[in-house]
Amino acid sequence: MKTLTKNLSKRLFWDTKPEQVDMQEHKSFIVSRVLEYGSLKDWRYILGYYGLQEIAQTATTIRTLDKKALAFIATLSGKAKEEFRCYTKQQSENQHLIF
């Protein structure tokens, strides 16, 4: 049985159908979306559902997180930013091409 995301904001799933997102199967996707775009209500929901340790562990594997989301989860979890994949695999600053 799928665990639905009915308790999360619909705006988090602008590019997909919320009823097709499973809380276990798509954990990385959900954690990423809530950290970057979620409300306090969304954060509290996933915190109660997954727990801080599981959210932090999942966040360490996410490829991209914005700087604020990374700082938030690193601070709450007590993990160093260097433990997160999105920090260690950051793309360098985009440089404009000079012709």
PDB file of N, CA and C in Angstrom:
ATOM      1  N   MET A   1       0.834  -1.189   0.000  1.00  0.00           N
ATOM      2  CA  MET A   1       0.000   0.000   0.000  1.00  0.00           C
ATOM      3  C   MET A   1       0.875   1.246   0.000  1.00  0.00           C
ATOM      4  N   LYS A   2       0.553   2.187  -0.854  1.00  0.00           N
ATOM      5  CA  LYS A   2       1.320   3.424  -0.950  1.00  0.00           C
ATOM      6  C   LYS A   2       0.975   4.372   0.193  1.00  0.00           C
ATOM      7  N   THR A   3       1.986   5.002   0.722  1.00  0.00           N
ATOM      8  CA  THR A   3       1.771   6.043   1.710  1.00  0.00           C
ATOM      9  C   THR A   3       1.725   7.346   0.944  1.00  0.00           C
ATOM     10  N   LEU A   4       0.591   7.988   0.956  1.00  0.00           N
ATOM     11  CA  LEU A   4       0.392   9.180   0.147  1.00  0.00           C
ATOM     12  C   LEU A   4       0.895  10.432   0.846  1.00  0.00           C
ATOM     13  N   THR A   5       1.092  11.438   0.048  1.00  0.00           N
ATOM     14  CA  THR A   5       1.607  12.709   0.532  1.00  0.00           C
ATOM     15  C   THR A   5       0.489  13.716   0.766  1.00  0.00           C
ATOM     16  N   LYS A   6      -0.705  13.246   1.123  1.00  0.00           N
ATOM     17  CA  LYS A   6      -1.868  14.128   1.255  1.00  0.00           C
ATOM     18  C   LYS A   6      -1.693  15.197   2.332  1.00  0.00           C
ATOM     19  N   ASN A   7      -0.796  14.995   3.281  1.00  0.00           N
ATOM     20  CA  ASN A   7      -0.583  15.971   4.352  1.00  0.00           C
ATOM     21  C   ASN A   7       0.457  17.031   4.010  1.00  0.00           C
ATOM     22  N   LEU A   8       1.049  16.937   2.832  1.00  0.00           N
ATOM     23  CA  LEU A   8       2.030  17.923   2.399  1.00  0.00           C
ATOM     24  C   LEU A   8       1.385  18.915   1.440  1.00  0.00           C
ATOM     25  N   SER A   9       1.955  20.111   1.350  1.00  0.00           N
ATOM     26  CA  SER A   9       1.435  21.144   0.460  1.00  0.00           C
ATOM     27  C   SER A   9       1.452  20.667  -0.987  1.00  0.00           C
ATOM     28  N   LYS A  10       0.385  20.917  -1.692  1.00  0.00           N
ATOM     29  CA  LYS A  10       0.283  20.512  -3.098  1.00  0.00           C
ATOM     30  C   LYS A  10       1.296  21.260  -3.967  1.00  0.00           C
ATOM     31  N   ARG A  11       1.689  22.458  -3.551  1.00  0.00           N
ATOM     32  CA  ARG A  11       2.632  23.252  -4.351  1.00  0.00           C
ATOM     33  C   ARG A  11       4.020  22.626  -4.428  1.00  0.00           C
ATOM     34  N   LEU A  12       4.309  21.692  -3.539  1.00  0.00           N
ATOM     35  CA  LEU A  12       5.603  21.006  -3.589  1.00  0.00           C
ATOM     36  C   LEU A  12       5.705  20.079  -4.789  1.00  0.00           C
ATOM     37  N   PHE A  13       4.575  19.737  -5.357  1.00  0.00           N
ATOM     38  CA  PHE A  13       4.533  18.758  -6.441  1.00  0.00           C
ATOM     39  C   PHE A  13       4.006  19.380  -7.726  1.00  0.00           C
ATOM     40  N   TRP A  14       4.525  20.539  -8.068  1.00  0.00           N
ATOM     41  CA  TRP A  14       4.066  21.255  -9.255  1.00  0.00           C
ATOM     42  C   TRP A  14       4.340  20.499 -10.555  1.00  0.00           C
ATOM     43  N   ASP A  15       5.320  19.618 -10.544  1.00  0.00           N
ATOM     44  CA  ASP A  15       5.722  18.934 -11.777  1.00  0.00           C
ATOM     45  C   ASP A  15       5.366  17.451 -11.789  1.00  0.00           C
ATOM     46  N   THR A  16       4.603  17.022 -10.827  1.00  0.00           N
ATOM     47  CA  THR A  16       4.213  15.620 -10.748  1.00  0.00           C
ATOM     48  C   THR A  16       2.837  15.502 -10.102  1.00  0.00           C
ATOM     49  N   LYS A  17       2.256  14.347 -10.170  1.00  0.00           N
ATOM     50  CA  LYS A  17       0.952  14.119  -9.533  1.00  0.00           C
ATOM     51  C   LYS A  17       1.181  13.673  -8.088  1.00  0.00           C
ATOM     52  N   PRO A  18       0.695  14.454  -7.126  1.00  0.00           N
ATOM     53  CA  PRO A  18       0.927  14.118  -5.713  1.00  0.00           C
ATOM     54  C   PRO A  18       0.464  12.717  -5.328  1.00  0.00           C
ATOM     55  N   GLU A  19      -0.592  12.241  -5.942  1.00  0.00           N
ATOM     56  CA  GLU A  19      -1.108  10.917  -5.591  1.00  0.00           C
ATOM     57  C   GLU A  19      -0.194   9.786  -6.056  1.00  0.00           C
ATOM     58  N   GLN A  20       0.788  10.104  -6.894  1.00  0.00           N
ATOM     59  CA  GLN A  20       1.730   9.090  -7.363  1.00  0.00           C
ATOM     60  C   GLN A  20       3.058   9.105  -6.597  1.00  0.00           C
ATOM     61  N   VAL A  21       3.181  10.027  -5.659  1.00  0.00           N
ATOM     62  CA  VAL A  21       4.414  10.140  -4.875  1.00  0.00           C
ATOM     63  C   VAL A  21       4.260   9.334  -3.593  1.00  0.00           C
ATOM     64  N   ASP A  22       5.137   8.370  -3.387  1.00  0.00           N
ATOM     65  CA  ASP A  22       5.102   7.499  -2.223  1.00  0.00           C
ATOM     66  C   ASP A  22       6.118   7.992  -1.188  1.00  0.00           C
ATOM     67  N   MET A  23       5.718   8.080   0.058  1.00  0.00           N
ATOM     68  CA  MET A  23       6.573   8.621   1.119  1.00  0.00           C
ATOM     69  C   MET A  23       7.852   7.806   1.324  1.00  0.00           C
ATOM     70  N   GLN A  24       7.830   6.513   1.099  1.00  0.00           N
ATOM     71  CA  GLN A  24       9.037   5.698   1.260  1.00  0.00           C
ATOM     72  C   GLN A  24       9.852   5.611  -0.027  1.00  0.00           C
ATOM     73  N   GLU A  25       9.179   5.320  -1.094  1.00  0.00           N
ATOM     74  CA  GLU A  25       9.870   5.132  -2.368  1.00  0.00           C
ATOM     75  C   GLU A  25      10.523   6.415  -2.884  1.00  0.00           C
ATOM     76  N   HIS A  26       9.919   7.556  -2.620  1.00  0.00           N
ATOM     77  CA  HIS A  26      10.415   8.839  -3.123  1.00  0.00           C
ATOM     78  C   HIS A  26      10.901   9.752  -1.991  1.00  0.00           C
ATOM     79  N   LYS A  27      11.486   9.142  -0.984  1.00  0.00           N
ATOM     80  CA  LYS A  27      11.920   9.882   0.213  1.00  0.00           C
ATOM     81  C   LYS A  27      12.881  11.025  -0.116  1.00  0.00           C
ATOM     82  N   SER A  28      13.859  10.775  -0.954  1.00  0.00           N
ATOM     83  CA  SER A  28      14.841  11.798  -1.325  1.00  0.00           C
ATOM     84  C   SER A  28      14.159  12.996  -1.980  1.00  0.00           C
ATOM     85  N   PHE A  29      13.262  12.706  -2.884  1.00  0.00           N
ATOM     86  CA  PHE A  29      12.516  13.744  -3.595  1.00  0.00           C
ATOM     87  C   PHE A  29      11.715  14.600  -2.611  1.00  0.00           C
ATOM     88  N   ILE A  30      11.026  13.953  -1.695  1.00  0.00           N
ATOM     89  CA  ILE A  30      10.191  14.665  -0.728  1.00  0.00           C
ATOM     90  C   ILE A  30      11.040  15.503   0.223  1.00  0.00           C
ATOM     91  N   VAL A  31      12.099  14.923   0.751  1.00  0.00           N
ATOM     92  CA  VAL A  31      12.977  15.656   1.670  1.00  0.00           C
ATOM     93  C   VAL A  31      13.561  16.878   0.972  1.00  0.00           C
ATOM     94  N   SER A  32      14.019  16.703  -0.239  1.00  0.00           N
ATOM     95  CA  SER A  32      14.579  17.810  -1.007  1.00  0.00           C
ATOM     96  C   SER A  32      13.562  18.921  -1.209  1.00  0.00           C
ATOM     97  N   ARG A  33      12.362  18.561  -1.634  1.00  0.00           N
ATOM     98  CA  ARG A  33      11.320  19.560  -1.893  1.00  0.00           C
ATOM     99  C   ARG A  33      10.922  20.296  -0.622  1.00  0.00           C
ATOM    100  N   VAL A  34      10.786  19.568   0.484  1.00  0.00           N
ATOM    101  CA  VAL A  34      10.383  20.223   1.735  1.00  0.00           C
ATOM    102  C   VAL A  34      11.495  21.133   2.242  1.00  0.00           C
ATOM    103  N   LEU A  35      12.740  20.702   2.164  1.00  0.00           N
ATOM    104  CA  LEU A  35      13.842  21.546   2.625  1.00  0.00           C
ATOM    105  C   LEU A  35      13.946  22.831   1.805  1.00  0.00           C
ATOM    106  N   GLU A  36      13.717  22.738   0.516  1.00  0.00           N
ATOM    107  CA  GLU A  36      13.887  23.913  -0.338  1.00  0.00           C
ATOM    108  C   GLU A  36      12.624  24.769  -0.474  1.00  0.00           C
ATOM    109  N   TYR A  37      11.450  24.154  -0.504  1.00  0.00           N
ATOM    110  CA  TYR A  37      10.235  24.898  -0.824  1.00  0.00           C
ATOM    111  C   TYR A  37       9.105  24.735   0.192  1.00  0.00           C
ATOM    112  N   GLY A  38       9.294  23.892   1.176  1.00  0.00           N
ATOM    113  CA  GLY A  38       8.206  23.578   2.092  1.00  0.00           C
ATOM    114  C   GLY A  38       7.936  24.643   3.139  1.00  0.00           C
ATOM    115  N   SER A  39       6.759  24.549   3.706  1.00  0.00           N
ATOM    116  CA  SER A  39       6.368  25.433   4.800  1.00  0.00           C
ATOM    117  C   SER A  39       6.782  24.786   6.125  1.00  0.00           C
ATOM    118  N   LEU A  40       6.582  25.507   7.201  1.00  0.00           N
ATOM    119  CA  LEU A  40       6.869  24.960   8.526  1.00  0.00           C
ATOM    120  C   LEU A  40       5.992  23.735   8.794  1.00  0.00           C
ATOM    121  N   LYS A  41       4.751  23.781   8.321  1.00  0.00           N
ATOM    122  CA  LYS A  41       3.829  22.650   8.481  1.00  0.00           C
ATOM    123  C   LYS A  41       4.378  21.414   7.749  1.00  0.00           C
ATOM    124  N   ASP A  42       4.902  21.612   6.536  1.00  0.00           N
ATOM    125  CA  ASP A  42       5.492  20.503   5.778  1.00  0.00           C
ATOM    126  C   ASP A  42       6.699  19.930   6.515  1.00  0.00           C
ATOM    127  N   TRP A  43       7.548  20.818   7.042  1.00  0.00           N
ATOM    128  CA  TRP A  43       8.732  20.375   7.783  1.00  0.00           C
ATOM    129  C   TRP A  43       8.327  19.543   9.002  1.00  0.00           C
ATOM    130  N   ARG A  44       7.360  20.039   9.744  1.00  0.00           N
ATOM    131  CA  ARG A  44       6.912  19.313  10.942  1.00  0.00           C
ATOM    132  C   ARG A  44       6.339  17.942  10.582  1.00  0.00           C
ATOM    133  N   TYR A  45       5.645  17.882   9.451  1.00  0.00           N
ATOM    134  CA  TYR A  45       5.069  16.609   9.030  1.00  0.00           C
ATOM    135  C   TYR A  45       6.157  15.585   8.715  1.00  0.00           C
ATOM    136  N   ILE A  46       7.154  15.953   7.905  1.00  0.00           N
ATOM    137  CA  ILE A  46       8.189  14.969   7.569  1.00  0.00           C
ATOM    138  C   ILE A  46       9.074  14.664   8.774  1.00  0.00           C
ATOM    139  N   LEU A  47       9.237  15.640   9.664  1.00  0.00           N
ATOM    140  CA  LEU A  47      10.004  15.402  10.883  1.00  0.00           C
ATOM    141  C   LEU A  47       9.315  14.337  11.732  1.00  0.00           C
ATOM    142  N   GLY A  48       8.000  14.412  11.846  1.00  0.00           N
ATOM    143  CA  GLY A  48       7.246  13.407  12.589  1.00  0.00           C
ATOM    144  C   GLY A  48       7.209  12.064  11.874  1.00  0.00           C
ATOM    145  N   TYR A  49       7.204  12.101  10.555  1.00  0.00           N
ATOM    146  CA  TYR A  49       7.100  10.867   9.763  1.00  0.00           C
ATOM    147  C   TYR A  49       8.436  10.124   9.687  1.00  0.00           C
ATOM    148  N   TYR A  50       9.505  10.835   9.336  1.00  0.00           N
ATOM    149  CA  TYR A  50      10.813  10.200   9.152  1.00  0.00           C
ATOM    150  C   TYR A  50      11.718  10.295  10.381  1.00  0.00           C
ATOM    151  N   GLY A  51      11.654  11.398  11.099  1.00  0.00           N
ATOM    152  CA  GLY A  51      12.587  11.658  12.195  1.00  0.00           C
ATOM    153  C   GLY A  51      13.804  12.414  11.666  1.00  0.00           C
ATOM    154  N   LEU A  52      14.445  13.178  12.537  1.00  0.00           N
ATOM    155  CA  LEU A  52      15.561  14.028  12.128  1.00  0.00           C
ATOM    156  C   LEU A  52      16.737  13.231  11.584  1.00  0.00           C
ATOM    157  N   GLN A  53      17.067  12.117  12.213  1.00  0.00           N
ATOM    158  CA  GLN A  53      18.218  11.318  11.766  1.00  0.00           C
ATOM    159  C   GLN A  53      18.022  10.803  10.339  1.00  0.00           C
ATOM    160  N   GLU A  54      16.837  10.301  10.050  1.00  0.00           N
ATOM    161  CA  GLU A  54      16.571   9.763   8.713  1.00  0.00           C
ATOM    162  C   GLU A  54      16.533  10.878   7.658  1.00  0.00           C
ATOM    163  N   ILE A  55      15.984  12.029   8.029  1.00  0.00           N
ATOM    164  CA  ILE A  55      15.972  13.173   7.101  1.00  0.00           C
ATOM    165  C   ILE A  55      17.400  13.611   6.811  1.00  0.00           C
ATOM    166  N   ALA A  56      18.216  13.726   7.862  1.00  0.00           N
ATOM    167  CA  ALA A  56      19.606  14.147   7.686  1.00  0.00           C
ATOM    168  C   ALA A  56      20.385  13.138   6.846  1.00  0.00           C
ATOM    169  N   GLN A  57      20.185  11.858   7.107  1.00  0.00           N
ATOM    170  CA  GLN A  57      20.871  10.818   6.345  1.00  0.00           C
ATOM    171  C   GLN A  57      20.459  10.878   4.870  1.00  0.00           C
ATOM    172  N   THR A  58      19.190  11.063   4.621  1.00  0.00           N
ATOM    173  CA  THR A  58      18.694  11.185   3.250  1.00  0.00           C
ATOM    174  C   THR A  58      19.272  12.431   2.591  1.00  0.00           C
ATOM    175  N   ALA A  59      19.316  13.525   3.319  1.00  0.00           N
ATOM    176  CA  ALA A  59      19.836  14.787   2.771  1.00  0.00           C
ATOM    177  C   ALA A  59      21.312  14.680   2.394  1.00  0.00           C
ATOM    178  N   THR A  60      22.064  13.823   3.068  1.00  0.00           N
ATOM    179  CA  THR A  60      23.486  13.682   2.727  1.00  0.00           C
ATOM    180  C   THR A  60      23.679  13.079   1.340  1.00  0.00           C
ATOM    181  N   THR A  61      22.650  12.432   0.795  1.00  0.00           N
ATOM    182  CA  THR A  61      22.765  11.791  -0.519  1.00  0.00           C
ATOM    183  C   THR A  61      22.177  12.626  -1.652  1.00  0.00           C
ATOM    184  N   ILE A  62      21.523  13.724  -1.329  1.00  0.00           N
ATOM    185  CA  ILE A  62      20.870  14.552  -2.348  1.00  0.00           C
ATOM    186  C   ILE A  62      21.922  15.321  -3.144  1.00  0.00           C
ATOM    187  N   ARG A  63      21.780  15.297  -4.455  1.00  0.00           N
ATOM    188  CA  ARG A  63      22.747  15.949  -5.346  1.00  0.00           C
ATOM    189  C   ARG A  63      22.777  17.451  -5.249  1.00  0.00           C
ATOM    190  N   THR A  64      21.602  18.064  -5.179  1.00  0.00           N
ATOM    191  CA  THR A  64      21.546  19.523  -5.141  1.00  0.00           C
ATOM    192  C   THR A  64      20.587  19.991  -4.062  1.00  0.00           C
ATOM    193  N   LEU A  65      21.044  20.914  -3.266  1.00  0.00           N
ATOM    194  CA  LEU A  65      20.225  21.633  -2.293  1.00  0.00           C
ATOM    195  C   LEU A  65      20.712  23.073  -2.315  1.00  0.00           C
ATOM    196  N   ASP A  66      19.796  24.013  -2.185  1.00  0.00           N
ATOM    197  CA  ASP A  66      20.276  25.393  -2.140  1.00  0.00           C
ATOM    198  C   ASP A  66      21.018  25.624  -0.823  1.00  0.00           C
ATOM    199  N   LYS A  67      21.769  26.707  -0.770  1.00  0.00           N
ATOM    200  CA  LYS A  67      22.646  26.970   0.377  1.00  0.00           C
ATOM    201  C   LYS A  67      21.890  27.102   1.696  1.00  0.00           C
ATOM    202  N   LYS A  68      20.702  27.709   1.655  1.00  0.00           N
ATOM    203  CA  LYS A  68      19.917  27.876   2.881  1.00  0.00           C
ATOM    204  C   LYS A  68      19.402  26.534   3.396  1.00  0.00           C
ATOM    205  N   ALA A  69      18.930  25.694   2.486  1.00  0.00           N
ATOM    206  CA  ALA A  69      18.430  24.374   2.882  1.00  0.00           C
ATOM    207  C   ALA A  69      19.562  23.539   3.471  1.00  0.00           C
ATOM    208  N   LEU A  70      20.733  23.601   2.846  1.00  0.00           N
ATOM    209  CA  LEU A  70      21.898  22.867   3.347  1.00  0.00           C
ATOM    210  C   LEU A  70      22.288  23.359   4.742  1.00  0.00           C
ATOM    211  N   ALA A  71      22.345  24.668   4.919  1.00  0.00           N
ATOM    212  CA  ALA A  71      22.707  25.228   6.222  1.00  0.00           C
ATOM    213  C   ALA A  71      21.684  24.829   7.287  1.00  0.00           C
ATOM    214  N   PHE A  72      20.415  24.832   6.932  1.00  0.00           N
ATOM    215  CA  PHE A  72      19.339  24.463   7.856  1.00  0.00           C
ATOM    216  C   PHE A  72      19.494  23.027   8.338  1.00  0.00           C
ATOM    217  N   ILE A  73      19.609  22.084   7.408  1.00  0.00           N
ATOM    218  CA  ILE A  73      19.667  20.671   7.803  1.00  0.00           C
ATOM    219  C   ILE A  73      21.008  20.336   8.467  1.00  0.00           C
ATOM    220  N   ALA A  74      22.082  20.967   8.036  1.00  0.00           N
ATOM    221  CA  ALA A  74      23.391  20.733   8.666  1.00  0.00           C
ATOM    222  C   ALA A  74      23.370  21.215  10.120  1.00  0.00           C
ATOM    223  N   THR A  75      22.795  22.376  10.350  1.00  0.00           N
ATOM    224  CA  THR A  75      22.723  22.926  11.707  1.00  0.00           C
ATOM    225  C   THR A  75      21.841  22.072  12.612  1.00  0.00           C
ATOM    226  N   LEU A  76      20.661  21.718  12.126  1.00  0.00           N
ATOM    227  CA  LEU A  76      19.747  20.920  12.952  1.00  0.00           C
ATOM    228  C   LEU A  76      20.287  19.533  13.262  1.00  0.00           C
ATOM    229  N   SER A  77      20.962  18.935  12.278  1.00  0.00           N
ATOM    230  CA  SER A  77      21.435  17.558  12.461  1.00  0.00           C
ATOM    231  C   SER A  77      22.792  17.485  13.157  1.00  0.00           C
ATOM    232  N   GLY A  78      23.507  18.605  13.199  1.00  0.00           N
ATOM    233  CA  GLY A  78      24.835  18.609  13.801  1.00  0.00           C
ATOM    234  C   GLY A  78      25.896  18.019  12.893  1.00  0.00           C
ATOM    235  N   LYS A  79      25.563  17.821  11.631  1.00  0.00           N
ATOM    236  CA  LYS A  79      26.520  17.284  10.659  1.00  0.00           C
ATOM    237  C   LYS A  79      27.269  18.436  10.004  1.00  0.00           C
ATOM    238  N   ALA A  80      28.499  18.177   9.641  1.00  0.00           N
ATOM    239  CA  ALA A  80      29.281  19.179   8.911  1.00  0.00           C
ATOM    240  C   ALA A  80      28.796  19.251   7.472  1.00  0.00           C
ATOM    241  N   LYS A  81      28.858  20.426   6.882  1.00  0.00           N
ATOM    242  CA  LYS A  81      28.428  20.585   5.486  1.00  0.00           C
ATOM    243  C   LYS A  81      29.186  19.653   4.550  1.00  0.00           C
ATOM    244  N   GLU A  82      30.419  19.348   4.906  1.00  0.00           N
ATOM    245  CA  GLU A  82      31.246  18.482   4.069  1.00  0.00           C
ATOM    246  C   GLU A  82      30.713  17.048   3.977  1.00  0.00           C
ATOM    247  N   GLU A  83      29.817  16.674   4.870  1.00  0.00           N
ATOM    248  CA  GLU A  83      29.227  15.342   4.841  1.00  0.00           C
ATOM    249  C   GLU A  83      28.094  15.224   3.812  1.00  0.00           C
ATOM    250  N   PHE A  84      27.678  16.337   3.259  1.00  0.00           N
ATOM    251  CA  PHE A  84      26.565  16.354   2.315  1.00  0.00           C
ATOM    252  C   PHE A  84      27.079  16.343   0.882  1.00  0.00           C
ATOM    253  N   ARG A  85      26.507  15.464   0.090  1.00  0.00           N
ATOM    254  CA  ARG A  85      26.909  15.326  -1.318  1.00  0.00           C
ATOM    255  C   ARG A  85      26.742  16.637  -2.080  1.00  0.00           C
ATOM    256  N   CYS A  86      25.687  17.371  -1.797  1.00  0.00           N
ATOM    257  CA  CYS A  86      25.432  18.616  -2.516  1.00  0.00           C
ATOM    258  C   CYS A  86      26.502  19.666  -2.228  1.00  0.00           C
ATOM    259  N   TYR A  87      27.217  19.533  -1.133  1.00  0.00           N
ATOM    260  CA  TYR A  87      28.294  20.468  -0.803  1.00  0.00           C
ATOM    261  C   TYR A  87      29.605  20.030  -1.447  1.00  0.00           C
ATOM    262  N   THR A  88      29.880  18.751  -1.389  1.00  0.00           N
ATOM    263  CA  THR A  88      31.154  18.258  -1.916  1.00  0.00           C
ATOM    264  C   THR A  88      31.171  18.162  -3.437  1.00  0.00           C
ATOM    265  N   LYS A  89      30.004  18.067  -4.055  1.00  0.00           N
ATOM    266  CA  LYS A  89      29.931  17.960  -5.510  1.00  0.00           C
ATOM    267  C   LYS A  89      29.351  19.213  -6.156  1.00  0.00           C
ATOM    268  N   GLN A  90      29.507  20.363  -5.498  1.00  0.00           N
ATOM    269  CA  GLN A  90      28.973  21.614  -6.022  1.00  0.00           C
ATOM    270  C   GLN A  90      29.579  21.947  -7.370  1.00  0.00           C
ATOM    271  N   GLN A  91      28.739  22.506  -8.214  1.00  0.00           N
ATOM    272  CA  GLN A  91      29.261  22.999  -9.483  1.00  0.00           C
ATOM    273  C   GLN A  91      29.949  24.320  -9.197  1.00  0.00           C
ATOM    274  N   SER A  92      30.964  24.596  -9.974  1.00  0.00           N
ATOM    275  CA  SER A  92      31.633  25.873  -9.792  1.00  0.00           C
ATOM    276  C   SER A  92      30.726  26.989 -10.305  1.00  0.00           C
ATOM    277  N   GLU A  93      31.030  28.202  -9.916  1.00  0.00           N
ATOM    278  CA  GLU A  93      30.248  29.355 -10.355  1.00  0.00           C
ATOM    279  C   GLU A  93      30.244  29.426 -11.870  1.00  0.00           C
ATOM    280  N   ASN A  94      29.078  29.680 -12.432  1.00  0.00           N
ATOM    281  CA  ASN A  94      28.988  29.830 -13.876  1.00  0.00           C
ATOM    282  C   ASN A  94      29.692  31.105 -14.300  1.00  0.00           C
ATOM    283  N   GLN A  95      30.576  30.986 -15.234  1.00  0.00           N
ATOM    284  CA  GLN A  95      31.275  32.141 -15.766  1.00  0.00           C
ATOM    285  C   GLN A  95      30.659  32.514 -17.099  1.00  0.00           C
ATOM    286  N   HIS A  96      30.513  33.804 -17.320  1.00  0.00           N
ATOM    287  CA  HIS A  96      30.003  34.250 -18.598  1.00  0.00           C
ATOM    288  C   HIS A  96      31.092  34.105 -19.653  1.00  0.00           C
ATOM    289  N   LEU A  97      30.673  33.713 -20.811  1.00  0.00           N
ATOM    290  CA  LEU A  97      31.634  33.572 -21.902  1.00  0.00           C
ATOM    291  C   LEU A  97      31.983  34.960 -22.435  1.00  0.00           C
ATOM    292  N   ILE A  98      33.228  35.170 -22.647  1.00  0.00           N
ATOM    293  CA  ILE A  98      33.697  36.434 -23.198  1.00  0.00           C
ATOM    294  C   ILE A  98      34.104  36.179 -24.638  1.00  0.00           C
ATOM    295  N   PHE A  99      33.488  36.899 -25.549  1.00  0.00           N
ATOM    296  CA  PHE A  99      33.803  36.709 -26.971  1.00  0.00           C
ATOM    297  C   PHE A  99      34.778  37.726 -27.446  1.00  0.00           C
TER     298      PHE A  99
END
